Amino acid sequence: MDASASPTLVCSARGCQAPAQWALRWNNPRLHEATRRKTWLACPDHRSTLGDFLDARGFLREVVPVAGSPTLDS
């Protein structure tokens, strides 16, 4: 493996190995500060199901393309 190659970001859906194209940025207001964001990655097939899961709980804050999204908590 080439050390300079960037790792492929993979969808966060259970069992999915598809490349991620979307970052679903969320937080649980009962556990996290208002400014903290956690990130789930999603392929096109799982963007809506992961987003619906987070949105139903009031956790989803934004959905952005992966290219412009941090992959770690802020």
C-alpha atoms as a PDB file:
ATOM      1  CA  MET A   1       0.000   0.000   0.000  1.00  0.00           C
ATOM      2  CA  ASP A   2       1.286   3.449  -0.906  1.00  0.00           C
ATOM      3  CA  ALA A   3       1.720   5.533   2.266  1.00  0.00           C
ATOM      4  CA  SER A   4       0.938   8.744   0.390  1.00  0.00           C
ATOM      5  CA  ALA A   5      -2.436   7.475  -0.887  1.00  0.00           C
ATOM      6  CA  SER A   6      -5.414   8.813   1.037  1.00  0.00           C
ATOM      7  CA  PRO A   7      -7.652   6.182   2.622  1.00  0.00           C
ATOM      8  CA  THR A   8     -11.057   5.598   1.073  1.00  0.00           C
ATOM      9  CA  LEU A   9     -13.831   6.869   3.298  1.00  0.00           C
ATOM     10  CA  VAL A  10     -16.500   4.190   3.716  1.00  0.00           C
ATOM     11  CA  CYS A  11     -20.223   4.493   4.437  1.00  0.00           C
ATOM     12  CA  SER A  12     -21.182   4.195   8.128  1.00  0.00           C
ATOM     13  CA  ALA A  13     -24.216   1.971   7.445  1.00  0.00           C
ATOM     14  CA  ARG A  14     -23.799  -1.475   8.977  1.00  0.00           C
ATOM     15  CA  GLY A  15     -22.195  -3.872   6.507  1.00  0.00           C
ATOM     16  CA  CYS A  16     -21.826  -1.282   3.741  1.00  0.00           C
ATOM     17  CA  GLN A  17     -18.396  -0.935   2.167  1.00  0.00           C
ATOM     18  CA  ALA A  18     -19.368   1.619  -0.494  1.00  0.00           C
ATOM     19  CA  PRO A  19     -17.366   4.832  -0.763  1.00  0.00           C
ATOM     20  CA  ALA A  20     -18.864   7.683   1.254  1.00  0.00           C
ATOM     21  CA  GLN A  21     -20.057  10.749  -0.617  1.00  0.00           C
ATOM     22  CA  TRP A  22     -21.920  12.529   2.186  1.00  0.00           C
ATOM     23  CA  ALA A  23     -21.116  13.545   5.751  1.00  0.00           C
ATOM     24  CA  LEU A  24     -24.058  13.659   8.135  1.00  0.00           C
ATOM     25  CA  ARG A  25     -23.031  16.018  10.931  1.00  0.00           C
ATOM     26  CA  TRP A  26     -24.949  15.528  14.163  1.00  0.00           C
ATOM     27  CA  ASN A  27     -24.955  15.809  17.920  1.00  0.00           C
ATOM     28  CA  ASN A  28     -27.052  14.596  20.816  1.00  0.00           C
ATOM     29  CA  PRO A  29     -27.986  17.771  22.729  1.00  0.00           C
ATOM     30  CA  ARG A  30     -28.436  15.787  25.951  1.00  0.00           C
ATOM     31  CA  LEU A  31     -24.812  14.570  25.786  1.00  0.00           C
ATOM     32  CA  HIS A  32     -22.841  17.031  23.657  1.00  0.00           C
ATOM     33  CA  GLU A  33     -22.134  20.756  23.739  1.00  0.00           C
ATOM     34  CA  ALA A  34     -24.182  22.684  21.171  1.00  0.00           C
ATOM     35  CA  THR A  35     -21.122  23.332  18.990  1.00  0.00           C
ATOM     36  CA  ARG A  36     -19.831  19.745  18.966  1.00  0.00           C
ATOM     37  CA  ARG A  37     -20.458  17.715  15.824  1.00  0.00           C
ATOM     38  CA  LYS A  38     -20.037  14.019  15.260  1.00  0.00           C
ATOM     39  CA  THR A  39     -19.906  12.682  11.714  1.00  0.00           C
ATOM     40  CA  TRP A  40     -21.446   9.663  10.043  1.00  0.00           C
ATOM     41  CA  LEU A  41     -20.430   9.011   6.451  1.00  0.00           C
ATOM     42  CA  ALA A  42     -22.965   7.885   3.868  1.00  0.00           C
ATOM     43  CA  CYS A  43     -23.002   6.485   0.365  1.00  0.00           C
ATOM     44  CA  PRO A  44     -25.835   7.639  -1.930  1.00  0.00           C
ATOM     45  CA  ASP A  45     -27.862   4.500  -1.099  1.00  0.00           C
ATOM     46  CA  HIS A  46     -27.772   5.114   2.672  1.00  0.00           C
ATOM     47  CA  ARG A  47     -27.872   8.911   2.853  1.00  0.00           C
ATOM     48  CA  SER A  48     -31.620   9.042   3.443  1.00  0.00           C
ATOM     49  CA  THR A  49     -31.885   6.098   5.874  1.00  0.00           C
ATOM     50  CA  LEU A  50     -29.023   7.319   8.071  1.00  0.00           C
ATOM     51  CA  GLY A  51     -30.325  10.886   7.852  1.00  0.00           C
ATOM     52  CA  ASP A  52     -33.878   9.809   8.713  1.00  0.00           C
ATOM     53  CA  PHE A  53     -32.608   7.889  11.755  1.00  0.00           C
ATOM     54  CA  LEU A  54     -30.738  10.945  13.073  1.00  0.00           C
ATOM     55  CA  ASP A  55     -33.483  13.409  12.146  1.00  0.00           C
ATOM     56  CA  ALA A  56     -36.200  11.379  13.902  1.00  0.00           C
ATOM     57  CA  ARG A  57     -34.225  11.787  17.139  1.00  0.00           C
ATOM     58  CA  GLY A  58     -33.533  15.490  16.586  1.00  0.00           C
ATOM     59  CA  PHE A  59     -29.792  14.876  16.197  1.00  0.00           C
ATOM     60  CA  LEU A  60     -29.155  15.760  12.521  1.00  0.00           C
ATOM     61  CA  ARG A  61     -27.583  19.189  12.086  1.00  0.00           C
ATOM     62  CA  GLU A  62     -26.376  19.213   8.462  1.00  0.00           C
ATOM     63  CA  VAL A  63     -25.568  17.048   5.458  1.00  0.00           C
ATOM     64  CA  VAL A  64     -22.551  18.074   3.389  1.00  0.00           C
ATOM     65  CA  PRO A  65     -20.483  16.505   0.605  1.00  0.00           C
ATOM     66  CA  VAL A  66     -17.549  14.512   2.013  1.00  0.00           C
ATOM     67  CA  ALA A  67     -14.926  16.472   0.074  1.00  0.00           C
ATOM     68  CA  GLY A  68     -15.505  19.568   2.226  1.00  0.00           C
ATOM     69  CA  SER A  69     -16.240  17.827   5.504  1.00  0.00           C
ATOM     70  CA  PRO A  70     -13.982  16.953   8.421  1.00  0.00           C
ATOM     71  CA  THR A  71     -14.036  13.267   9.283  1.00  0.00           C
ATOM     72  CA  LEU A  72     -13.324  13.639  12.977  1.00  0.00           C
ATOM     73  CA  ASP A  73     -15.310  15.198  15.805  1.00  0.00           C
ATOM     74  CA  SER A  74     -14.787  18.906  16.243  1.00  0.00           C
END
